[in-house]
Amino acid sequence: MNARSSALDIPRIFNITESAHRIHNPFTPEKLATLGAALRLEAGTRVLDLGSGSGEMLCTWARDHGVVGTGIDLSRLFTEQAKLRAEELGVADRVEFIHGDAAGFVSGEKVGVAACLGATWIGGDVAGTIELLAQSLRPGGIILVGEPFWRQLPPTEDVARGCLAGSISDFLLLPELLASFGRLGHDVVEMVLADQDSWDRYEAAKWLTMRRWLEANPGDEFATDVRAKLSSEPERYATCTREYLGWGVFALMTR
C-alpha cells in the first residue's frame, strides 16, 4: 500500500486484491512472530502502528507478549478486519484500531514501539517517517520501519518499473539502506527480512482473491481492470519483484 485517495480510503484495487490478507506486506505469521520475539517485548509495552492494515501485528503481539496499543489505517475494510481479529484473539481490550490518515499522527501517550511497516509515504519518505514516529516515542524506545531494498540491482529501468518502482534510484541495496539509518542518527538494533517464499505468500495470494472476486462480480465496472491485473501479475512478479526486490523490517534506536 503506497498511495492515499481523497475519499479517506486506499485505492479500490488494494481493497480487492488484499481483502483476504491478514498481513499486508511480504511477511508470514512466522516472520511476524520472529520479529516480536527479537524485540524482547515486555508485557504492557505500548505500541503505535501507523498503516496497521488488518491488525495482525498488534493483535498477535497483544496475545503473545501482552502489549497494548493503537493502529491507524486508511482502509475502511482493513480497519474493520483488524477489529474483528482483535475480538477473535481476545485482545480487543488491549488494542484499538482507528480508520484514518496516519500521515502526521502523533500519539498523545508516548510509546515503547512506534512502527510503520510498508507505508513510509505517510512521512513523505523513510527519513520523514522516522522523524514522525520519533515524535511518539518514549526515551529508549524502538522505531520499526518496513521498507523495500534491492536484493540485486535491476539491469534496466524497465525491470525496476516491473518491480513497481519508479526507477532504480527509488531503493537502495541492503548495506546502503542500513548505512542510511546511521546517517539519520539511529542505530540499527534488529532486522527481520522477507524471503522469496514469504514474498510468494504476499503476492500469489492476491491471484486467487482476484479470481474469486471476478467470479462473484462479473458485471462490476472494475472487472476489466482486475482481469488485466490477474492476467499480467504472475509473470511480472516472477520476472521482476521475486528476483530483484527485497523487503524487511528494521528496528532503530536514536543515537
C-alpha atoms as a PDB file:
ATOM      1  CA  MET A   1       0.000   0.000   0.000  1.00  0.00           C
ATOM      2  CA  ASN A   2       1.690   3.209  -1.060  1.00  0.00           C
ATOM      3  CA  ALA A   3      -0.936   5.781  -2.010  1.00  0.00           C
ATOM      4  CA  ARG A   4      -3.731   7.762  -0.457  1.00  0.00           C
ATOM      5  CA  SER A   5      -7.060   8.637  -2.013  1.00  0.00           C
ATOM      6  CA  SER A   6      -9.211  11.694  -1.464  1.00  0.00           C
ATOM      7  CA  ALA A   7     -12.151   9.674  -0.081  1.00  0.00           C
ATOM      8  CA  LEU A   8     -10.224   8.634   3.057  1.00  0.00           C
ATOM      9  CA  ASP A   9      -9.659   5.151   1.773  1.00  0.00           C
ATOM     10  CA  ILE A  10      -6.974   3.357  -0.167  1.00  0.00           C
ATOM     11  CA  PRO A  11      -7.409   2.794  -3.920  1.00  0.00           C
ATOM     12  CA  ARG A  12     -10.057   0.170  -4.570  1.00  0.00           C
ATOM     13  CA  ILE A  13      -7.662  -2.262  -6.246  1.00  0.00           C
ATOM     14  CA  PHE A  14      -5.858  -2.843  -2.910  1.00  0.00           C
ATOM     15  CA  ASN A  15      -9.128  -3.412  -1.053  1.00  0.00           C
ATOM     16  CA  ILE A  16      -9.897  -6.085  -3.655  1.00  0.00           C
ATOM     17  CA  THR A  17      -6.530  -7.804  -4.125  1.00  0.00           C
ATOM     18  CA  GLU A  18      -5.612  -7.868  -0.428  1.00  0.00           C
ATOM     19  CA  SER A  19      -9.070  -8.424   1.049  1.00  0.00           C
ATOM     20  CA  ALA A  20      -8.132 -11.960   2.149  1.00  0.00           C
ATOM     21  CA  HIS A  21      -4.730 -10.952   3.554  1.00  0.00           C
ATOM     22  CA  ARG A  22      -4.108 -10.734   7.268  1.00  0.00           C
ATOM     23  CA  ILE A  23      -0.636  -9.292   6.682  1.00  0.00           C
ATOM     24  CA  HIS A  24      -0.313  -6.605   4.011  1.00  0.00           C
ATOM     25  CA  ASN A  25       3.400  -6.967   3.384  1.00  0.00           C
ATOM     26  CA  PRO A  26       5.790  -9.801   2.451  1.00  0.00           C
ATOM     27  CA  PHE A  27       5.846 -11.272   5.979  1.00  0.00           C
ATOM     28  CA  THR A  28       4.372 -14.592   7.038  1.00  0.00           C
ATOM     29  CA  PRO A  29       2.872 -15.133  10.508  1.00  0.00           C
ATOM     30  CA  GLU A  30       6.132 -16.883  11.415  1.00  0.00           C
ATOM     31  CA  LYS A  31       8.239 -13.863  10.453  1.00  0.00           C
ATOM     32  CA  LEU A  32       5.917 -11.547  12.352  1.00  0.00           C
ATOM     33  CA  ALA A  33       6.338 -13.780  15.403  1.00  0.00           C
ATOM     34  CA  THR A  34      10.116 -13.796  14.897  1.00  0.00           C
ATOM     35  CA  LEU A  35      10.113 -10.004  14.881  1.00  0.00           C
ATOM     36  CA  GLY A  36       8.085  -9.815  18.082  1.00  0.00           C
ATOM     37  CA  ALA A  37      10.436 -12.238  19.834  1.00  0.00           C
ATOM     38  CA  ALA A  38      13.525 -10.441  18.516  1.00  0.00           C
ATOM     39  CA  LEU A  39      12.374  -7.162  20.053  1.00  0.00           C
ATOM     40  CA  ARG A  40      12.165  -8.799  23.519  1.00  0.00           C
ATOM     41  CA  LEU A  41       8.773  -7.211  24.082  1.00  0.00           C
ATOM     42  CA  GLU A  42       7.622  -6.876  27.664  1.00  0.00           C
ATOM     43  CA  ALA A  43       4.024  -7.086  28.837  1.00  0.00           C
ATOM     44  CA  GLY A  44       2.404  -3.678  28.913  1.00  0.00           C
ATOM     45  CA  THR A  45       4.644  -2.197  26.218  1.00  0.00           C
ATOM     46  CA  ARG A  46       2.649   0.390  24.293  1.00  0.00           C
ATOM     47  CA  VAL A  47       2.867   0.043  20.503  1.00  0.00           C
ATOM     48  CA  LEU A  48       1.795   2.525  17.824  1.00  0.00           C
ATOM     49  CA  ASP A  49       1.308   1.100  14.332  1.00  0.00           C
ATOM     50  CA  LEU A  50       0.842   3.632  11.524  1.00  0.00           C
ATOM     51  CA  GLY A  51      -0.619   1.888   8.494  1.00  0.00           C
ATOM     52  CA  SER A  52      -1.787  -1.032  10.615  1.00  0.00           C
ATOM     53  CA  GLY A  53      -3.699  -2.854   7.871  1.00  0.00           C
ATOM     54  CA  SER A  54      -5.774  -5.737   9.206  1.00  0.00           C
ATOM     55  CA  GLY A  55      -4.101  -5.522  12.597  1.00  0.00           C
ATOM     56  CA  GLU A  56      -2.229  -8.814  12.672  1.00  0.00           C
ATOM     57  CA  MET A  57       0.924  -7.403  14.241  1.00  0.00           C
ATOM     58  CA  LEU A  58      -0.808  -5.634  17.113  1.00  0.00           C
ATOM     59  CA  CYS A  59      -3.309  -8.429  17.718  1.00  0.00           C
ATOM     60  CA  THR A  60      -0.815 -11.302  17.784  1.00  0.00           C
ATOM     61  CA  TRP A  61       1.713  -9.356  19.832  1.00  0.00           C
ATOM     62  CA  ALA A  62      -1.012  -8.453  22.319  1.00  0.00           C
ATOM     63  CA  ARG A  63      -1.867 -12.163  22.562  1.00  0.00           C
ATOM     64  CA  ASP A  64       1.707 -13.447  22.675  1.00  0.00           C
ATOM     65  CA  HIS A  65       3.556 -10.691  24.530  1.00  0.00           C
ATOM     66  CA  GLY A  66       0.895  -8.711  26.368  1.00  0.00           C
ATOM     67  CA  VAL A  67       1.499  -5.438  24.540  1.00  0.00           C
ATOM     68  CA  VAL A  68      -1.145  -2.746  24.279  1.00  0.00           C
ATOM     69  CA  GLY A  69      -1.531  -0.234  21.518  1.00  0.00           C
ATOM     70  CA  THR A  70      -3.193   1.600  18.687  1.00  0.00           C
ATOM     71  CA  GLY A  71      -3.285   1.049  14.947  1.00  0.00           C
ATOM     72  CA  ILE A  72      -4.360   3.564  12.306  1.00  0.00           C
ATOM     73  CA  ASP A  73      -5.116   2.717   8.691  1.00  0.00           C
ATOM     74  CA  LEU A  74      -6.663   4.457   5.704  1.00  0.00           C
ATOM     75  CA  SER A  75      -8.577   1.376   4.543  1.00  0.00           C
ATOM     76  CA  ARG A  76     -12.074   1.064   5.974  1.00  0.00           C
ATOM     77  CA  LEU A  77     -12.120  -2.628   5.114  1.00  0.00           C
ATOM     78  CA  PHE A  78      -8.785  -3.448   6.731  1.00  0.00           C
ATOM     79  CA  THR A  79      -9.659  -1.470   9.862  1.00  0.00           C
ATOM     80  CA  GLU A  80     -12.889  -3.420  10.298  1.00  0.00           C
ATOM     81  CA  GLN A  81     -10.983  -6.657   9.753  1.00  0.00           C
ATOM     82  CA  ALA A  82      -8.494  -5.593  12.431  1.00  0.00           C
ATOM     83  CA  LYS A  83     -11.290  -5.028  14.946  1.00  0.00           C
ATOM     84  CA  LEU A  84     -12.724  -8.459  14.181  1.00  0.00           C
ATOM     85  CA  ARG A  85      -9.287 -10.037  14.552  1.00  0.00           C
ATOM     86  CA  ALA A  86      -8.849  -8.410  17.966  1.00  0.00           C
ATOM     87  CA  GLU A  87     -12.145  -9.887  19.091  1.00  0.00           C
ATOM     88  CA  GLU A  88     -11.232 -13.286  17.637  1.00  0.00           C
ATOM     89  CA  LEU A  89      -7.950 -13.386  19.570  1.00  0.00           C
ATOM     90  CA  GLY A  90      -9.489 -11.996  22.754  1.00  0.00           C
ATOM     91  CA  VAL A  91      -7.389  -8.828  22.837  1.00  0.00           C
ATOM     92  CA  ALA A  92      -9.987  -6.163  21.980  1.00  0.00           C
ATOM     93  CA  ASP A  93      -9.486  -4.645  25.430  1.00  0.00           C
ATOM     94  CA  ARG A  94      -5.773  -4.123  24.734  1.00  0.00           C
ATOM     95  CA  VAL A  95      -5.663  -2.822  21.170  1.00  0.00           C
ATOM     96  CA  GLU A  96      -7.572  -0.091  19.361  1.00  0.00           C
ATOM     97  CA  PHE A  97      -7.927   0.371  15.623  1.00  0.00           C
ATOM     98  CA  ILE A  98      -8.791   3.718  14.055  1.00  0.00           C
ATOM     99  CA  HIS A  99      -9.858   4.351  10.471  1.00  0.00           C
ATOM    100  CA  GLY A 100      -7.979   7.456   9.474  1.00  0.00           C
ATOM    101  CA  ASP A 101      -4.995   9.034   7.768  1.00  0.00           C
ATOM    102  CA  ALA A 102      -1.812   8.127   9.658  1.00  0.00           C
ATOM    103  CA  ALA A 103       0.155  10.907   7.961  1.00  0.00           C
ATOM    104  CA  GLY A 104       1.181  13.351  10.672  1.00  0.00           C
ATOM    105  CA  PHE A 105      -0.312  11.298  13.504  1.00  0.00           C
ATOM    106  CA  VAL A 106       1.437  11.679  16.860  1.00  0.00           C
ATOM    107  CA  SER A 107       0.360   9.625  19.871  1.00  0.00           C
ATOM    108  CA  GLY A 108      -0.918  11.519  22.887  1.00  0.00           C
ATOM    109  CA  GLU A 109       0.821   8.986  25.112  1.00  0.00           C
ATOM    110  CA  LYS A 110       4.457   8.097  24.476  1.00  0.00           C
ATOM    111  CA  VAL A 111       5.012   4.550  23.212  1.00  0.00           C
ATOM    112  CA  GLY A 112       7.734   1.947  23.571  1.00  0.00           C
ATOM    113  CA  VAL A 113       7.493   0.867  19.929  1.00  0.00           C
ATOM    114  CA  ALA A 114       6.490   3.161  17.055  1.00  0.00           C
ATOM    115  CA  ALA A 115       6.040   1.288  13.786  1.00  0.00           C
ATOM    116  CA  CYS A 116       5.337   1.884  10.132  1.00  0.00           C
ATOM    117  CA  LEU A 117       5.634  -1.311   8.106  1.00  0.00           C
ATOM    118  CA  GLY A 118       5.473  -0.676   4.394  1.00  0.00           C
ATOM    119  CA  ALA A 119       3.738   2.705   4.371  1.00  0.00           C
ATOM    120  CA  THR A 120       6.566   5.239   4.563  1.00  0.00           C
ATOM    121  CA  TRP A 121       4.629   7.528   2.229  1.00  0.00           C
ATOM    122  CA  ILE A 122       2.950   8.800   5.406  1.00  0.00           C
ATOM    123  CA  GLY A 123       6.050  10.834   6.218  1.00  0.00           C
ATOM    124  CA  GLY A 124       6.939  11.664   2.619  1.00  0.00           C
ATOM    125  CA  ASP A 125       9.851   9.206   2.625  1.00  0.00           C
ATOM    126  CA  VAL A 126      11.809   6.978   5.008  1.00  0.00           C
ATOM    127  CA  ALA A 127      13.535   9.886   6.738  1.00  0.00           C
ATOM    128  CA  GLY A 128      10.280  11.789   7.191  1.00  0.00           C
ATOM    129  CA  THR A 129       8.514   8.719   8.540  1.00  0.00           C
ATOM    130  CA  ILE A 130      11.282   8.043  11.064  1.00  0.00           C
ATOM    131  CA  GLU A 131      11.049  11.665  12.182  1.00  0.00           C
ATOM    132  CA  LEU A 132       7.272  11.326  12.538  1.00  0.00           C
ATOM    133  CA  LEU A 133       7.490   8.079  14.513  1.00  0.00           C
ATOM    134  CA  ALA A 134      10.121   9.573  16.829  1.00  0.00           C
ATOM    135  CA  GLN A 135       7.604  12.175  17.984  1.00  0.00           C
ATOM    136  CA  SER A 136       5.507   9.416  19.602  1.00  0.00           C
ATOM    137  CA  LEU A 137       8.424   7.510  21.113  1.00  0.00           C
ATOM    138  CA  ARG A 138       9.454   7.439  24.752  1.00  0.00           C
ATOM    139  CA  PRO A 139      13.166   7.681  25.580  1.00  0.00           C
ATOM    140  CA  GLY A 140      14.839   4.345  24.902  1.00  0.00           C
ATOM    141  CA  GLY A 141      12.004   3.201  22.656  1.00  0.00           C
ATOM    142  CA  ILE A 142      12.276   1.432  19.320  1.00  0.00           C
ATOM    143  CA  ILE A 143      11.224   2.584  15.872  1.00  0.00           C
ATOM    144  CA  LEU A 144      10.203  -0.080  13.358  1.00  0.00           C
ATOM    145  CA  VAL A 145      10.364   0.698   9.656  1.00  0.00           C
ATOM    146  CA  GLY A 146       9.347  -1.759   6.931  1.00  0.00           C
ATOM    147  CA  GLU A 147      10.988  -0.868   3.654  1.00  0.00           C
ATOM    148  CA  PRO A 148      11.980  -2.379   0.286  1.00  0.00           C
ATOM    149  CA  PHE A 149      15.567  -2.708  -0.879  1.00  0.00           C
ATOM    150  CA  TRP A 150      17.258  -4.194  -3.909  1.00  0.00           C
ATOM    151  CA  ARG A 151      18.374  -7.808  -3.473  1.00  0.00           C
ATOM    152  CA  GLN A 152      20.417  -7.117  -6.593  1.00  0.00           C
ATOM    153  CA  LEU A 153      20.370  -4.053  -8.808  1.00  0.00           C
ATOM    154  CA  PRO A 154      17.944  -4.377 -11.719  1.00  0.00           C
ATOM    155  CA  PRO A 155      19.793  -4.469 -15.029  1.00  0.00           C
ATOM    156  CA  THR A 156      17.488  -1.881 -16.619  1.00  0.00           C
ATOM    157  CA  GLU A 157      14.996   0.797 -15.639  1.00  0.00           C
ATOM    158  CA  ASP A 158      12.256  -1.312 -17.249  1.00  0.00           C
ATOM    159  CA  VAL A 159      12.987  -4.123 -14.795  1.00  0.00           C
ATOM    160  CA  ALA A 160      12.877  -1.620 -11.914  1.00  0.00           C
ATOM    161  CA  ARG A 161       9.478  -0.444 -13.101  1.00  0.00           C
ATOM    162  CA  GLY A 162       8.460  -4.104 -13.295  1.00  0.00           C
ATOM    163  CA  CYS A 163       9.182  -4.187  -9.562  1.00  0.00           C
ATOM    164  CA  LEU A 164       6.667  -1.311  -9.265  1.00  0.00           C
ATOM    165  CA  ALA A 165       9.452   1.162  -8.539  1.00  0.00           C
ATOM    166  CA  GLY A 166       9.601   4.462 -10.358  1.00  0.00           C
ATOM    167  CA  SER A 167      13.272   3.929 -11.113  1.00  0.00           C
ATOM    168  CA  ILE A 168      16.350   2.071  -9.878  1.00  0.00           C
ATOM    169  CA  SER A 169      17.172   5.061  -7.673  1.00  0.00           C
ATOM    170  CA  ASP A 170      13.970   4.593  -5.658  1.00  0.00           C
ATOM    171  CA  PHE A 171      15.545   1.878  -3.489  1.00  0.00           C
ATOM    172  CA  LEU A 172      18.975   1.029  -2.080  1.00  0.00           C
ATOM    173  CA  LEU A 173      20.913  -2.180  -1.742  1.00  0.00           C
ATOM    174  CA  LEU A 174      20.651  -3.609   1.781  1.00  0.00           C
ATOM    175  CA  PRO A 175      24.079  -2.419   3.029  1.00  0.00           C
ATOM    176  CA  GLU A 176      23.327   1.072   1.733  1.00  0.00           C
ATOM    177  CA  LEU A 177      19.903   1.098   3.370  1.00  0.00           C
ATOM    178  CA  LEU A 178      21.399   0.059   6.706  1.00  0.00           C
ATOM    179  CA  ALA A 179      24.049   2.767   6.404  1.00  0.00           C
ATOM    180  CA  SER A 180      21.375   5.349   5.645  1.00  0.00           C
ATOM    181  CA  PHE A 181      19.740   4.766   9.032  1.00  0.00           C
ATOM    182  CA  GLY A 182      23.033   5.637  10.704  1.00  0.00           C
ATOM    183  CA  ARG A 183      23.229   8.863   8.743  1.00  0.00           C
ATOM    184  CA  LEU A 184      19.781   9.698  10.110  1.00  0.00           C
ATOM    185  CA  GLY A 185      21.153   9.364  13.647  1.00  0.00           C
ATOM    186  CA  HIS A 186      19.882   5.892  14.518  1.00  0.00           C
ATOM    187  CA  ASP A 187      21.429   2.564  15.426  1.00  0.00           C
ATOM    188  CA  VAL A 188      20.038  -0.500  13.676  1.00  0.00           C
ATOM    189  CA  VAL A 189      19.413  -2.871  16.597  1.00  0.00           C
ATOM    190  CA  GLU A 190      17.486  -5.677  14.841  1.00  0.00           C
ATOM    191  CA  MET A 191      16.141  -6.679  11.465  1.00  0.00           C
ATOM    192  CA  VAL A 192      13.908  -9.404  10.051  1.00  0.00           C
ATOM    193  CA  LEU A 193      13.872  -9.825   6.279  1.00  0.00           C
ATOM    194  CA  ALA A 194      11.323 -11.265   3.902  1.00  0.00           C
ATOM    195  CA  ASP A 195      12.479 -14.072   1.617  1.00  0.00           C
ATOM    196  CA  GLN A 196      11.219 -15.331  -1.708  1.00  0.00           C
ATOM    197  CA  ASP A 197       8.790 -17.756  -0.045  1.00  0.00           C
ATOM    198  CA  SER A 198       7.234 -15.032   2.094  1.00  0.00           C
ATOM    199  CA  TRP A 199       7.056 -12.769  -0.971  1.00  0.00           C
ATOM    200  CA  ASP A 200       5.160 -15.592  -2.696  1.00  0.00           C
ATOM    201  CA  ARG A 201       2.636 -15.721   0.109  1.00  0.00           C
ATOM    202  CA  TYR A 202       2.039 -11.965  -0.150  1.00  0.00           C
ATOM    203  CA  GLU A 203       1.851 -11.711  -3.934  1.00  0.00           C
ATOM    204  CA  ALA A 204       0.480 -15.068  -5.069  1.00  0.00           C
ATOM    205  CA  ALA A 205      -2.355 -14.961  -2.546  1.00  0.00           C
ATOM    206  CA  LYS A 206      -3.703 -11.960  -4.427  1.00  0.00           C
ATOM    207  CA  TRP A 207      -4.235 -14.016  -7.569  1.00  0.00           C
ATOM    208  CA  LEU A 208      -6.796 -16.388  -6.076  1.00  0.00           C
ATOM    209  CA  THR A 209      -8.514 -13.431  -4.405  1.00  0.00           C
ATOM    210  CA  MET A 210      -8.774 -11.647  -7.746  1.00  0.00           C
ATOM    211  CA  ARG A 211     -10.101 -14.741  -9.499  1.00  0.00           C
ATOM    212  CA  ARG A 212     -12.748 -15.305  -6.842  1.00  0.00           C
ATOM    213  CA  TRP A 213     -13.707 -11.621  -6.977  1.00  0.00           C
ATOM    214  CA  LEU A 214     -14.098 -11.773 -10.763  1.00  0.00           C
ATOM    215  CA  GLU A 215     -16.331 -14.819 -10.490  1.00  0.00           C
ATOM    216  CA  ALA A 216     -18.509 -13.052  -7.915  1.00  0.00           C
ATOM    217  CA  ASN A 217     -18.593  -9.658  -9.673  1.00  0.00           C
ATOM    218  CA  PRO A 218     -18.686 -10.258 -13.445  1.00  0.00           C
ATOM    219  CA  GLY A 219     -20.662  -7.106 -14.160  1.00  0.00           C
ATOM    220  CA  ASP A 220     -18.664  -4.733 -11.958  1.00  0.00           C
ATOM    221  CA  GLU A 221     -17.250  -1.717 -13.789  1.00  0.00           C
ATOM    222  CA  PHE A 222     -13.861  -2.524 -12.246  1.00  0.00           C
ATOM    223  CA  ALA A 223     -13.813  -6.106 -13.539  1.00  0.00           C
ATOM    224  CA  THR A 224     -11.817  -5.231 -16.671  1.00  0.00           C
ATOM    225  CA  ASP A 225      -9.033  -3.740 -14.561  1.00  0.00           C
ATOM    226  CA  VAL A 226      -8.965  -6.698 -12.189  1.00  0.00           C
ATOM    227  CA  ARG A 227      -8.932  -9.159 -15.111  1.00  0.00           C
ATOM    228  CA  ALA A 228      -5.993  -7.322 -16.702  1.00  0.00           C
ATOM    229  CA  LYS A 229      -4.095  -7.367 -13.430  1.00  0.00           C
ATOM    230  CA  LEU A 230      -4.727 -11.073 -12.842  1.00  0.00           C
ATOM    231  CA  SER A 231      -3.572 -11.877 -16.380  1.00  0.00           C
ATOM    232  CA  SER A 232      -0.298  -9.976 -16.036  1.00  0.00           C
ATOM    233  CA  GLU A 233       0.710 -10.201 -12.374  1.00  0.00           C
ATOM    234  CA  PRO A 234       2.134 -13.746 -12.138  1.00  0.00           C
ATOM    235  CA  GLU A 235       4.634 -13.177 -14.956  1.00  0.00           C
ATOM    236  CA  ARG A 236       5.530  -9.659 -13.793  1.00  0.00           C
ATOM    237  CA  TYR A 237       6.093 -10.818 -10.241  1.00  0.00           C
ATOM    238  CA  ALA A 238       8.192 -13.854 -11.175  1.00  0.00           C
ATOM    239  CA  THR A 239      10.282 -11.878 -13.663  1.00  0.00           C
ATOM    240  CA  CYS A 240      10.916  -8.791 -11.577  1.00  0.00           C
ATOM    241  CA  THR A 241       9.857  -8.493  -7.940  1.00  0.00           C
ATOM    242  CA  ARG A 242      10.717 -12.041  -6.889  1.00  0.00           C
ATOM    243  CA  GLU A 243      14.258 -11.815  -8.257  1.00  0.00           C
ATOM    244  CA  TYR A 244      15.255  -8.245  -7.510  1.00  0.00           C
ATOM    245  CA  LEU A 245      13.233  -6.730  -4.677  1.00  0.00           C
ATOM    246  CA  GLY A 246      13.806  -7.417  -1.000  1.00  0.00           C
ATOM    247  CA  TRP A 247      11.820  -6.181   1.966  1.00  0.00           C
ATOM    248  CA  GLY A 248      12.491  -6.059   5.661  1.00  0.00           C
ATOM    249  CA  VAL A 249      11.589  -4.568   8.999  1.00  0.00           C
ATOM    250  CA  PHE A 250      14.387  -2.629  10.650  1.00  0.00           C
ATOM    251  CA  ALA A 251      14.459  -1.799  14.374  1.00  0.00           C
ATOM    252  CA  LEU A 252      16.076   1.547  15.157  1.00  0.00           C
ATOM    253  CA  MET A 253      17.094   3.384  18.300  1.00  0.00           C
ATOM    254  CA  THR A 254      18.197   7.013  18.460  1.00  0.00           C
ATOM    255  CA  ARG A 255      21.911   7.505  18.986  1.00  0.00           C
END
